[in-house]
Every structure is written in C-alpha cells, then in structure tokens.
Amino acid sequence: MRAKSRIIGSLETVYTEAYEKAAGTDDRSRMEALDFGFQRDQIMLEVMLDLRDALATLQEEAAPDEPSLLDRAKAIRDLARLRPR
C-alpha cells in the first residue's frame, strides 16, 4: 500500500507542473482553475485515504466470519452510487 505522503506528493507534482506552465504564459484563469482543482482533489483524496485506513483497521479487527475488506469496499461503493439500485 502506498504511503499517504507519497500519494499527496504525486498529486502536488502534477498540479505544480501544470501551474508553472500556466504561470509561464501568464494565464491567470488557468492558474486559478488549477489552484481550485488542486484543493478540491486534495480534499477528496484525503477522504479516500482516510476511508482506506478505516477499512484496513476494520479488516484487522474483523472476526473470521465477517465480510472481507473487499466486500466492505463494495458495500461502500454501492452506498455511494448516485443512481438508484
């Protein structure tokens, strides 16, 4: 499993490169869009990483007759779907 700092670092690298490119052409609207996008994506990524950590903790505490980590992840995915089942 990749470390949280490595994942966030990769996200920062991608956005920094795009931001510097936009800054080089003085594209203010693109810079603002990238800044907003980075903040949004960082928050969503941190939430997903927190869920990953919570699921891993649940798996460690689970009894043998309880659903697996994969089954729990599928259940969360099904709950998060925006369309009716």
N, C-alpha and C. Protein backbone atom coordinates (compact mmCIF):
# COMPACT_ATOMS: atom_id res chain seq x y z
N MET A 1 0.85 -1.17 0.00
CA MET A 1 0.00 0.00 0.00
C MET A 1 0.90 1.24 0.00
N ARG A 2 0.61 2.18 -0.89
CA ARG A 2 1.43 3.38 -0.97
C ARG A 2 1.15 4.30 0.21
N ALA A 3 2.19 4.97 0.67
CA ALA A 3 2.07 5.89 1.80
C ALA A 3 1.27 7.13 1.39
N LYS A 4 0.54 7.66 2.36
CA LYS A 4 -0.27 8.86 2.12
C LYS A 4 0.59 10.01 1.61
N SER A 5 1.77 10.20 2.19
CA SER A 5 2.65 11.30 1.78
C SER A 5 3.10 11.14 0.33
N ARG A 6 3.33 9.90 -0.10
CA ARG A 6 3.74 9.67 -1.49
C ARG A 6 2.61 10.00 -2.46
N ILE A 7 1.40 9.62 -2.11
CA ILE A 7 0.25 9.88 -2.97
C ILE A 7 -0.01 11.38 -3.08
N ILE A 8 -0.02 12.06 -1.94
CA ILE A 8 -0.23 13.52 -1.94
C ILE A 8 0.91 14.20 -2.70
N GLY A 9 2.13 13.72 -2.54
CA GLY A 9 3.28 14.28 -3.26
C GLY A 9 3.12 14.15 -4.76
N SER A 10 2.61 13.03 -5.22
CA SER A 10 2.37 12.84 -6.66
C SER A 10 1.34 13.83 -7.16
N LEU A 11 0.28 14.02 -6.39
CA LEU A 11 -0.75 15.00 -6.76
C LEU A 11 -0.15 16.40 -6.84
N GLU A 12 0.65 16.78 -5.87
CA GLU A 12 1.29 18.09 -5.87
C GLU A 12 2.20 18.26 -7.07
N THR A 13 2.93 17.23 -7.44
CA THR A 13 3.84 17.31 -8.58
C THR A 13 3.07 17.58 -9.88
N VAL A 14 1.99 16.86 -10.08
CA VAL A 14 1.19 17.03 -11.29
C VAL A 14 0.64 18.45 -11.37
N TYR A 15 0.08 18.93 -10.29
CA TYR A 15 -0.50 20.27 -10.29
C TYR A 15 0.57 21.36 -10.37
N THR A 16 1.71 21.15 -9.72
CA THR A 16 2.77 22.16 -9.76
C THR A 16 3.28 22.34 -11.18
N GLU A 17 3.48 21.23 -11.90
CA GLU A 17 3.95 21.32 -13.28
C GLU A 17 2.95 22.08 -14.15
N ALA A 18 1.67 21.75 -14.02
CA ALA A 18 0.64 22.43 -14.81
C ALA A 18 0.53 23.90 -14.42
N TYR A 19 0.65 24.19 -13.13
CA TYR A 19 0.54 25.57 -12.65
C TYR A 19 1.71 26.41 -13.18
N GLU A 20 2.91 25.86 -13.13
CA GLU A 20 4.08 26.59 -13.62
C GLU A 20 3.99 26.85 -15.11
N LYS A 21 3.44 25.90 -15.85
CA LYS A 21 3.24 26.09 -17.29
C LYS A 21 2.25 27.24 -17.54
N ALA A 22 1.17 27.25 -16.78
CA ALA A 22 0.17 28.33 -16.92
C ALA A 22 0.77 29.67 -16.49
N ALA A 23 1.59 29.66 -15.45
CA ALA A 23 2.23 30.89 -14.99
C ALA A 23 3.22 31.41 -16.03
N GLY A 24 3.88 30.50 -16.73
CA GLY A 24 4.83 30.89 -17.77
C GLY A 24 4.17 31.63 -18.92
N THR A 25 2.91 31.34 -19.19
CA THR A 25 2.16 32.03 -20.24
C THR A 25 1.27 33.12 -19.67
N ASP A 26 1.38 33.34 -18.36
CA ASP A 26 0.59 34.35 -17.65
C ASP A 26 -0.92 34.13 -17.84
N ASP A 27 -1.32 32.88 -17.82
CA ASP A 27 -2.73 32.51 -17.97
C ASP A 27 -3.39 32.47 -16.59
N ARG A 28 -3.87 33.63 -16.16
CA ARG A 28 -4.42 33.77 -14.80
C ARG A 28 -5.64 32.88 -14.58
N SER A 29 -6.52 32.79 -15.55
CA SER A 29 -7.72 31.98 -15.35
C SER A 29 -7.36 30.50 -15.20
N ARG A 30 -6.37 30.04 -15.96
CA ARG A 30 -5.93 28.65 -15.84
C ARG A 30 -5.27 28.41 -14.48
N MET A 31 -4.49 29.39 -14.02
CA MET A 31 -3.84 29.27 -12.72
C MET A 31 -4.87 29.17 -11.61
N GLU A 32 -5.91 29.99 -11.68
CA GLU A 32 -6.97 29.95 -10.67
C GLU A 32 -7.71 28.61 -10.71
N ALA A 33 -8.00 28.13 -11.94
CA ALA A 33 -8.69 26.84 -12.08
C ALA A 33 -7.84 25.71 -11.52
N LEU A 34 -6.54 25.75 -11.78
CA LEU A 34 -5.64 24.72 -11.25
C LEU A 34 -5.56 24.77 -9.73
N ASP A 35 -5.51 25.97 -9.19
CA ASP A 35 -5.45 26.12 -7.74
C ASP A 35 -6.70 25.54 -7.09
N PHE A 36 -7.86 25.88 -7.64
CA PHE A 36 -9.11 25.35 -7.12
C PHE A 36 -9.15 23.83 -7.27
N GLY A 37 -8.78 23.35 -8.46
CA GLY A 37 -8.80 21.92 -8.72
C GLY A 37 -7.89 21.15 -7.78
N PHE A 38 -6.72 21.71 -7.50
CA PHE A 38 -5.79 21.05 -6.59
C PHE A 38 -6.39 20.93 -5.20
N GLN A 39 -6.96 22.01 -4.70
CA GLN A 39 -7.55 21.98 -3.36
C GLN A 39 -8.70 20.98 -3.29
N ARG A 40 -9.54 20.98 -4.32
CA ARG A 40 -10.67 20.04 -4.36
C ARG A 40 -10.17 18.60 -4.40
N ASP A 41 -9.23 18.33 -5.29
CA ASP A 41 -8.72 16.97 -5.42
C ASP A 41 -7.96 16.52 -4.18
N GLN A 42 -7.26 17.43 -3.54
CA GLN A 42 -6.53 17.07 -2.33
C GLN A 42 -7.50 16.66 -1.22
N ILE A 43 -8.59 17.41 -1.07
CA ILE A 43 -9.58 17.07 -0.05
C ILE A 43 -10.21 15.71 -0.35
N MET A 44 -10.61 15.49 -1.60
CA MET A 44 -11.23 14.22 -1.95
C MET A 44 -10.25 13.06 -1.77
N LEU A 45 -9.01 13.27 -2.14
CA LEU A 45 -8.00 12.22 -1.98
C LEU A 45 -7.76 11.90 -0.51
N GLU A 46 -7.71 12.93 0.33
CA GLU A 46 -7.50 12.70 1.75
C GLU A 46 -8.67 11.93 2.37
N VAL A 47 -9.88 12.23 1.92
CA VAL A 47 -11.05 11.49 2.40
C VAL A 47 -10.94 10.02 1.99
N MET A 48 -10.56 9.78 0.73
CA MET A 48 -10.43 8.39 0.27
C MET A 48 -9.33 7.66 1.04
N LEU A 49 -8.24 8.35 1.32
CA LEU A 49 -7.17 7.72 2.09
C LEU A 49 -7.60 7.43 3.52
N ASP A 50 -8.40 8.34 4.10
CA ASP A 50 -8.94 8.09 5.43
C ASP A 50 -9.86 6.86 5.42
N LEU A 51 -10.68 6.74 4.37
CA LEU A 51 -11.54 5.56 4.24
C LEU A 51 -10.70 4.29 4.10
N ARG A 52 -9.63 4.38 3.32
CA ARG A 52 -8.74 3.23 3.16
C ARG A 52 -8.17 2.81 4.52
N ASP A 53 -7.73 3.79 5.30
CA ASP A 53 -7.17 3.49 6.61
C ASP A 53 -8.22 2.90 7.54
N ALA A 54 -9.44 3.44 7.48
CA ALA A 54 -10.51 2.93 8.32
C ALA A 54 -10.87 1.49 7.95
N LEU A 55 -10.93 1.23 6.64
CA LEU A 55 -11.24 -0.13 6.20
C LEU A 55 -10.13 -1.10 6.59
N ALA A 56 -8.90 -0.66 6.52
CA ALA A 56 -7.79 -1.53 6.91
C ALA A 56 -7.87 -1.85 8.40
N THR A 57 -8.24 -0.86 9.20
CA THR A 57 -8.40 -1.08 10.64
C THR A 57 -9.54 -2.06 10.91
N LEU A 58 -10.63 -1.88 10.18
CA LEU A 58 -11.76 -2.80 10.35
C LEU A 58 -11.36 -4.23 9.97
N GLN A 59 -10.57 -4.36 8.92
CA GLN A 59 -10.14 -5.69 8.49
C GLN A 59 -9.29 -6.35 9.56
N GLU A 60 -8.42 -5.58 10.18
CA GLU A 60 -7.57 -6.12 11.22
C GLU A 60 -8.38 -6.59 12.43
N GLU A 61 -9.49 -5.89 12.71
CA GLU A 61 -10.31 -6.21 13.86
C GLU A 61 -11.39 -7.24 13.56
N ALA A 62 -11.59 -7.55 12.27
CA ALA A 62 -12.70 -8.42 11.86
C ALA A 62 -12.49 -9.85 12.32
N ALA A 63 -13.60 -10.44 12.70
CA ALA A 63 -13.59 -11.87 13.04
C ALA A 63 -13.62 -12.66 11.73
N PRO A 64 -13.21 -13.92 11.75
CA PRO A 64 -13.16 -14.72 10.52
C PRO A 64 -14.50 -14.83 9.78
N ASP A 65 -15.63 -14.77 10.48
CA ASP A 65 -16.92 -14.92 9.81
C ASP A 65 -17.49 -13.60 9.30
N GLU A 66 -16.77 -12.50 9.45
CA GLU A 66 -17.23 -11.21 8.97
C GLU A 66 -16.81 -11.00 7.52
N PRO A 67 -17.48 -10.07 6.80
CA PRO A 67 -17.13 -9.81 5.39
C PRO A 67 -15.68 -9.35 5.25
N SER A 68 -15.12 -9.67 4.10
CA SER A 68 -13.74 -9.28 3.83
C SER A 68 -13.65 -7.77 3.56
N LEU A 69 -12.44 -7.27 3.51
CA LEU A 69 -12.21 -5.86 3.21
C LEU A 69 -12.77 -5.51 1.83
N LEU A 70 -12.59 -6.40 0.87
CA LEU A 70 -13.12 -6.17 -0.47
C LEU A 70 -14.64 -6.09 -0.45
N ASP A 71 -15.29 -6.98 0.30
CA ASP A 71 -16.75 -6.94 0.41
C ASP A 71 -17.22 -5.64 1.05
N ARG A 72 -16.50 -5.17 2.04
CA ARG A 72 -16.87 -3.90 2.68
C ARG A 72 -16.68 -2.73 1.73
N ALA A 73 -15.61 -2.74 0.95
CA ALA A 73 -15.38 -1.67 -0.03
C ALA A 73 -16.48 -1.66 -1.09
N LYS A 74 -16.91 -2.84 -1.52
CA LYS A 74 -18.01 -2.91 -2.49
C LYS A 74 -19.29 -2.36 -1.89
N ALA A 75 -19.53 -2.64 -0.62
CA ALA A 75 -20.74 -2.12 0.04
C ALA A 75 -20.70 -0.60 0.12
N ILE A 76 -19.54 -0.04 0.42
CA ILE A 76 -19.41 1.42 0.47
C ILE A 76 -19.63 2.00 -0.92
N ARG A 77 -19.07 1.36 -1.95
CA ARG A 77 -19.26 1.83 -3.32
C ARG A 77 -20.74 1.83 -3.68
N ASP A 78 -21.44 0.76 -3.31
CA ASP A 78 -22.87 0.68 -3.61
C ASP A 78 -23.65 1.77 -2.88
N LEU A 79 -23.27 2.08 -1.64
CA LEU A 79 -23.94 3.14 -0.91
C LEU A 79 -23.68 4.51 -1.51
N ALA A 80 -22.50 4.69 -2.11
CA ALA A 80 -22.11 6.00 -2.62
C ALA A 80 -22.64 6.27 -4.02
N ARG A 81 -23.15 5.27 -4.67
CA ARG A 81 -23.66 5.48 -6.04
C ARG A 81 -24.81 6.47 -6.01
N LEU A 82 -24.82 7.34 -7.02
CA LEU A 82 -25.85 8.38 -7.08
C LEU A 82 -27.13 7.88 -7.75
N ARG A 83 -27.03 6.82 -8.51
CA ARG A 83 -28.21 6.31 -9.19
C ARG A 83 -28.88 5.23 -8.33
N PRO A 84 -30.18 5.09 -8.49
CA PRO A 84 -30.87 4.06 -7.69
C PRO A 84 -30.46 2.67 -8.13
N ARG A 85 -30.53 1.74 -7.19
CA ARG A 85 -30.17 0.34 -7.48
C ARG A 85 -31.33 -0.41 -8.07
